[in-house]
Amino acid sequence: MRRRWWAGLLVAALVVAAGLWLLLRVLPEAIDPTWERIMETGVLRVCTDPSWPPFEFINQDTAQIEGFDIDLARLLAERLAAGADSGPVVAARPVVQAKIVPVGFDSLYDALVAGRCDAVLSALPYEAARTQDVVYSVAYFNAGLALLKRVDESDIKVLDDLAERVVGVEWGFVPEGNSRQRDFLRNLNPRRYETAADALRALHAGEVEAAIVDRITALAYIRDCDGLKFVGEPLHDVNYVIPVRPDSFRLLEEINRVLLEMRDDGTLEKLQETWF
């Protein structure tokens, strides 16, 4: 009786396996039309708003769009096909080039959804409210709040070391981070300045003992002025990401693959050093 039961179970399993095999042979693989067109034409269309230096801006001497995101778009396009799993042997994949499509900031998402471009690279932070219309890549830049000190300051090593110290912040500063960090920052007695750059200049001049500003301003300031350094990781993440349309699943997969490669091989860090 037990043998017949096992035999029946084996037959049923074989039937299910055979059915799945036939189903996989009959059903076509899902197709990403955006990816297919990029591979056919060798062009990745990228929307950007060229009004946010150093990420994207118009060079007044050449009238060309330049910046961190523009360089990233071109490097990303070059690497898209390389290393991608091509499946069955087909004709050689083309070298992909980025075509920059200038769009006003308020129209970037509309342009993407309408098909004017394949992806957006324009210093856009992740927005959960938009995930019904677009899908986002992994982060390629963190623009969150950063803690800075003077290079000769040895007593400030972690956030808790700011207790009872004078900390420079920008007007409108809002405590960010996890719940413990927010509670800690609310209890600080900060000295407020008109801009984040003013807070950093005050730190440089010794008016304050530390400063908490956005990482973009901090990187730009440190590029031009020695004497300040970051303390730890950003207190709050503001991750810049690349949105694509939901049906561009293969394109998103390849963008993520390349961005992770760039993170590992130092390309993203080199871009940051170039533009900051």
Protein backbone atom coordinates (compact mmCIF):
# COMPACT_ATOMS: atom_id res chain seq x y z
CA MET A 1 0.00 0.00 0.00
CA ARG A 2 2.79 2.40 0.98
CA ARG A 3 4.71 1.56 -2.21
CA ARG A 4 1.66 2.33 -4.33
CA TRP A 5 1.26 5.65 -2.49
CA TRP A 6 4.88 6.66 -3.14
CA ALA A 7 4.61 5.53 -6.77
CA GLY A 8 1.50 7.65 -7.23
CA LEU A 9 3.21 10.64 -5.64
CA LEU A 10 6.22 10.22 -7.93
CA VAL A 11 3.98 10.03 -11.01
CA ALA A 12 2.13 13.16 -9.93
CA ALA A 13 5.42 15.02 -9.37
CA LEU A 14 6.66 13.98 -12.82
CA VAL A 15 3.42 15.17 -14.41
CA VAL A 16 3.69 18.57 -12.66
CA ALA A 17 7.35 18.92 -13.67
CA ALA A 18 6.54 18.05 -17.27
CA GLY A 19 3.69 20.54 -17.27
CA LEU A 20 5.91 23.32 -15.95
CA TRP A 21 8.56 22.49 -18.55
CA LEU A 22 6.01 22.69 -21.35
CA LEU A 23 4.60 25.94 -19.94
CA LEU A 24 8.02 27.55 -19.85
CA ARG A 25 8.66 26.45 -23.43
CA VAL A 26 5.35 27.86 -24.65
CA LEU A 27 5.13 31.16 -22.73
CA PRO A 28 7.32 33.95 -24.14
CA GLU A 29 9.82 35.67 -21.86
CA ALA A 30 8.75 39.05 -20.53
CA ILE A 31 10.05 41.82 -22.76
CA ASP A 32 11.18 45.25 -21.69
CA PRO A 33 10.45 47.43 -24.76
CA THR A 34 12.68 50.23 -23.49
CA TRP A 35 15.65 47.91 -23.11
CA GLU A 36 15.03 46.35 -26.53
CA ARG A 37 15.01 49.78 -28.19
CA ILE A 38 18.18 50.88 -26.36
CA MET A 39 19.96 47.72 -27.50
CA GLU A 40 18.70 48.23 -31.07
CA THR A 41 19.55 51.92 -31.38
CA GLY A 42 22.48 52.21 -28.99
CA VAL A 43 20.91 55.31 -27.40
CA LEU A 44 19.90 55.85 -23.77
CA ARG A 45 17.74 58.98 -23.51
CA VAL A 46 18.26 60.78 -20.21
CA CYS A 47 16.15 63.72 -19.02
CA THR A 48 17.76 66.37 -16.81
CA ASP A 49 17.11 69.90 -15.62
CA PRO A 50 20.40 71.76 -16.22
CA SER A 51 19.98 74.28 -13.42
CA TRP A 52 21.51 72.59 -10.37
CA PRO A 53 25.32 72.78 -10.38
CA PRO A 54 27.48 70.85 -9.93
CA PHE A 55 25.08 68.03 -10.82
CA GLU A 56 23.82 69.53 -14.08
CA PHE A 57 24.33 72.99 -15.55
CA ILE A 58 25.00 74.76 -18.84
CA ASN A 59 28.64 75.69 -19.40
CA GLN A 60 28.48 79.34 -20.44
CA ASP A 61 31.62 79.03 -22.58
CA THR A 62 30.58 75.95 -24.56
CA ALA A 63 26.77 76.10 -24.20
CA GLN A 64 26.95 72.37 -23.35
CA ILE A 65 25.25 70.64 -20.43
CA GLU A 66 27.83 69.40 -17.94
CA GLY A 67 28.00 68.11 -14.38
CA PHE A 68 28.17 65.11 -12.09
CA ASP A 69 24.93 63.59 -13.38
CA ILE A 70 25.90 64.15 -17.00
CA ASP A 71 29.21 62.33 -16.58
CA LEU A 72 27.39 59.59 -14.70
CA ALA A 73 24.80 59.25 -17.49
CA ARG A 74 27.51 58.81 -20.11
CA LEU A 75 29.49 56.29 -18.07
CA LEU A 76 26.29 54.45 -17.22
CA ALA A 77 25.29 54.21 -20.87
CA GLU A 78 28.72 52.88 -21.88
CA ARG A 79 28.52 50.10 -19.30
CA LEU A 80 24.89 49.12 -19.83
CA ALA A 81 25.40 46.42 -22.43
CA ALA A 82 28.80 45.27 -21.18
CA GLY A 83 28.35 42.42 -18.75
CA ALA A 84 24.60 42.12 -19.27
CA ASP A 85 23.35 38.55 -19.62
CA SER A 86 22.49 38.33 -23.30
CA GLY A 87 20.85 34.89 -23.21
CA PRO A 88 21.04 33.11 -26.60
CA VAL A 89 23.91 34.07 -28.87
CA VAL A 90 22.81 37.06 -30.95
CA ALA A 91 24.45 39.80 -32.95
CA ALA A 92 27.02 41.85 -31.05
CA ARG A 93 25.44 44.42 -28.77
CA PRO A 94 25.96 48.07 -29.72
CA VAL A 95 27.95 50.54 -27.71
CA VAL A 96 25.32 52.57 -25.88
CA GLN A 97 25.58 56.35 -25.71
CA ALA A 98 23.62 58.77 -23.54
CA LYS A 99 21.45 61.38 -25.23
CA ILE A 100 20.82 64.25 -22.80
CA VAL A 101 17.29 65.66 -22.98
CA PRO A 102 16.92 69.04 -21.16
CA VAL A 103 13.61 69.37 -19.32
CA GLY A 104 12.33 71.84 -16.72
CA PHE A 105 12.46 70.47 -13.19
CA ASP A 106 8.69 70.41 -12.66
CA SER A 107 8.23 68.39 -15.86
CA LEU A 108 10.89 65.71 -15.35
CA TYR A 109 8.52 62.97 -14.19
CA ASP A 110 5.92 63.88 -16.80
CA ALA A 111 8.56 63.66 -19.52
CA LEU A 112 9.61 60.22 -18.31
CA VAL A 113 6.06 58.85 -18.09
CA ALA A 114 5.26 60.30 -21.53
CA GLY A 115 8.23 58.49 -23.06
CA ARG A 116 10.38 61.51 -23.90
CA CYS A 117 13.27 59.78 -22.15
CA ASP A 118 14.18 56.38 -20.73
CA ALA A 119 15.49 57.56 -17.36
CA VAL A 120 15.94 60.74 -15.33
CA LEU A 121 19.30 61.81 -13.91
CA SER A 122 18.79 65.17 -12.24
CA ALA A 123 19.73 65.00 -8.53
CA LEU A 124 16.32 63.54 -7.67
CA PRO A 125 15.75 62.14 -4.17
CA TYR A 126 13.70 59.02 -3.60
CA GLU A 127 9.98 59.83 -3.24
CA ALA A 128 7.76 57.05 -1.93
CA ALA A 129 4.64 58.90 -3.15
CA ARG A 130 5.74 58.47 -6.78
CA THR A 131 6.31 54.71 -6.72
CA GLN A 132 2.96 54.04 -8.40
CA ASP A 133 4.18 55.86 -11.51
CA VAL A 134 7.92 55.11 -11.56
CA VAL A 135 10.47 52.72 -10.09
CA TYR A 136 13.77 53.86 -8.61
CA SER A 137 17.33 52.64 -8.87
CA VAL A 138 19.68 52.11 -5.95
CA ALA A 139 21.19 55.32 -4.59
CA TYR A 140 24.19 56.89 -6.31
CA PHE A 141 24.70 59.92 -4.02
CA ASN A 142 23.78 60.83 -0.44
CA ALA A 143 22.93 64.51 0.05
CA GLY A 144 21.79 64.19 3.67
CA LEU A 145 22.77 66.22 6.73
CA ALA A 146 26.44 65.95 7.66
CA LEU A 147 28.37 66.81 10.82
CA LEU A 148 31.64 68.68 10.36
CA LYS A 149 34.43 69.86 12.62
CA ARG A 150 37.80 71.57 12.25
CA VAL A 151 40.68 69.21 11.45
CA ASP A 152 42.47 70.23 14.66
CA GLU A 153 39.46 69.27 16.80
CA SER A 154 40.06 65.91 18.49
CA ASP A 155 37.23 65.76 21.03
CA ILE A 156 34.30 65.50 18.58
CA LYS A 157 34.09 61.94 17.30
CA VAL A 158 30.38 61.07 17.50
CA LEU A 159 27.10 62.99 17.63
CA ASP A 160 26.86 62.76 21.41
CA ASP A 161 30.08 64.77 21.71
CA LEU A 162 28.12 67.87 20.65
CA ALA A 163 26.41 68.12 24.03
CA GLU A 164 26.94 71.62 25.52
CA ARG A 165 28.89 72.74 22.43
CA VAL A 166 28.08 75.58 20.05
CA VAL A 167 26.91 74.14 16.73
CA GLY A 168 26.36 76.15 13.56
CA VAL A 169 23.30 75.40 11.45
CA GLU A 170 21.33 77.07 8.67
CA TRP A 171 18.11 78.98 9.35
CA GLY A 172 15.26 76.52 8.93
CA PHE A 173 17.36 73.63 10.21
CA VAL A 174 15.13 70.64 11.04
CA PRO A 175 16.51 67.78 13.17
CA GLU A 176 16.70 64.61 11.08
CA GLY A 177 17.89 61.06 11.62
CA ASN A 178 16.57 58.26 13.81
CA SER A 179 14.38 59.06 16.81
CA ARG A 180 17.31 59.24 19.24
CA GLN A 181 19.25 61.59 16.94
CA ARG A 182 16.22 63.84 16.45
CA ASP A 183 15.65 64.09 20.20
CA PHE A 184 19.32 64.87 20.76
CA LEU A 185 19.43 67.56 18.06
CA ARG A 186 16.25 69.22 19.36
CA ASN A 187 17.98 69.73 22.69
CA LEU A 188 21.04 71.43 21.19
CA ASN A 189 21.48 75.16 21.48
CA PRO A 190 22.45 75.86 17.85
CA ARG A 191 23.71 79.10 16.40
CA ARG A 192 21.78 79.83 13.23
CA TYR A 193 23.20 81.39 10.07
CA GLU A 194 21.63 82.71 6.88
CA THR A 195 23.00 79.87 4.74
CA ALA A 196 24.75 76.53 5.21
CA ALA A 197 27.91 78.03 3.73
CA ASP A 198 27.77 80.79 6.37
CA ALA A 199 27.62 78.13 9.09
CA LEU A 200 30.73 76.48 7.64
CA ARG A 201 32.56 79.79 7.43
CA ALA A 202 31.70 80.35 11.11
CA LEU A 203 33.15 76.93 11.92
CA HIS A 204 36.28 77.76 9.96
CA ALA A 205 36.63 81.05 11.86
CA GLY A 206 36.14 79.41 15.26
CA GLU A 207 32.79 81.02 16.02
CA VAL A 208 31.26 77.58 16.53
CA GLU A 209 32.73 74.20 17.47
CA ALA A 210 30.91 72.11 14.87
CA ALA A 211 28.41 72.53 12.04
CA ILE A 212 25.52 70.47 10.70
CA VAL A 213 24.73 71.21 7.05
CA ASP A 214 23.71 69.40 3.88
CA ARG A 215 26.44 67.24 2.40
CA ILE A 216 26.44 69.01 -0.98
CA THR A 217 27.29 72.38 0.55
CA ALA A 218 29.90 70.72 2.76
CA LEU A 219 31.63 68.98 -0.13
CA ALA A 220 31.72 72.17 -2.20
CA TYR A 221 33.11 74.16 0.74
CA ILE A 222 35.82 71.62 1.58
CA ARG A 223 36.86 71.57 -2.09
CA ASP A 224 37.74 75.27 -1.94
CA CYS A 225 38.80 75.61 1.71
CA ASP A 226 41.05 73.36 3.78
CA GLY A 227 40.64 72.96 7.50
CA LEU A 228 37.32 71.15 7.91
CA LYS A 229 36.44 67.45 7.90
CA PHE A 230 33.39 65.20 8.14
CA VAL A 231 32.54 63.34 11.34
CA GLY A 232 31.16 59.89 10.59
CA GLU A 233 28.38 59.11 8.12
CA PRO A 234 25.50 61.48 7.25
CA LEU A 235 23.05 61.95 10.12
CA HIS A 236 20.13 61.62 7.73
CA ASP A 237 20.03 60.06 4.27
CA VAL A 238 18.77 61.98 1.25
CA ASN A 239 19.50 59.48 -1.50
CA TYR A 240 19.67 60.59 -5.13
CA VAL A 241 18.27 57.90 -7.40
CA ILE A 242 17.38 57.27 -11.06
CA PRO A 243 13.67 56.80 -11.89
CA VAL A 244 12.51 54.75 -14.88
CA ARG A 245 9.06 53.61 -16.03
CA PRO A 246 7.65 50.47 -14.32
CA ASP A 247 7.74 48.46 -17.56
CA SER A 248 11.47 49.20 -17.95
CA PHE A 249 12.33 46.34 -15.58
CA ARG A 250 15.35 45.11 -17.56
CA LEU A 251 16.74 48.63 -17.87
CA LEU A 252 16.35 49.10 -14.11
CA GLU A 253 18.13 45.79 -13.47
CA GLU A 254 21.08 46.86 -15.62
CA ILE A 255 21.22 50.37 -14.15
CA ASN A 256 21.38 48.86 -10.66
CA ARG A 257 24.08 46.43 -11.73
CA VAL A 258 26.23 49.22 -13.15
CA LEU A 259 25.70 51.56 -10.20
CA LEU A 260 26.76 48.83 -7.78
CA GLU A 261 29.83 48.16 -9.92
CA MET A 262 30.64 51.87 -9.89
CA ARG A 263 30.26 51.94 -6.12
CA ASP A 264 32.62 48.99 -5.73
CA ASP A 265 35.28 50.07 -8.23
CA GLY A 266 35.47 53.68 -7.03
CA THR A 267 33.87 55.33 -10.06
CA LEU A 268 31.21 57.14 -8.02
CA GLU A 269 33.86 58.37 -5.60
CA LYS A 270 36.00 59.66 -8.48
CA LEU A 271 33.03 61.52 -9.93
CA GLN A 272 32.45 63.10 -6.54
CA GLU A 273 36.10 64.17 -6.35
CA THR A 274 35.88 65.64 -9.85
CA TRP A 275 32.79 67.75 -9.25
CA PHE A 276 33.29 68.63 -5.60
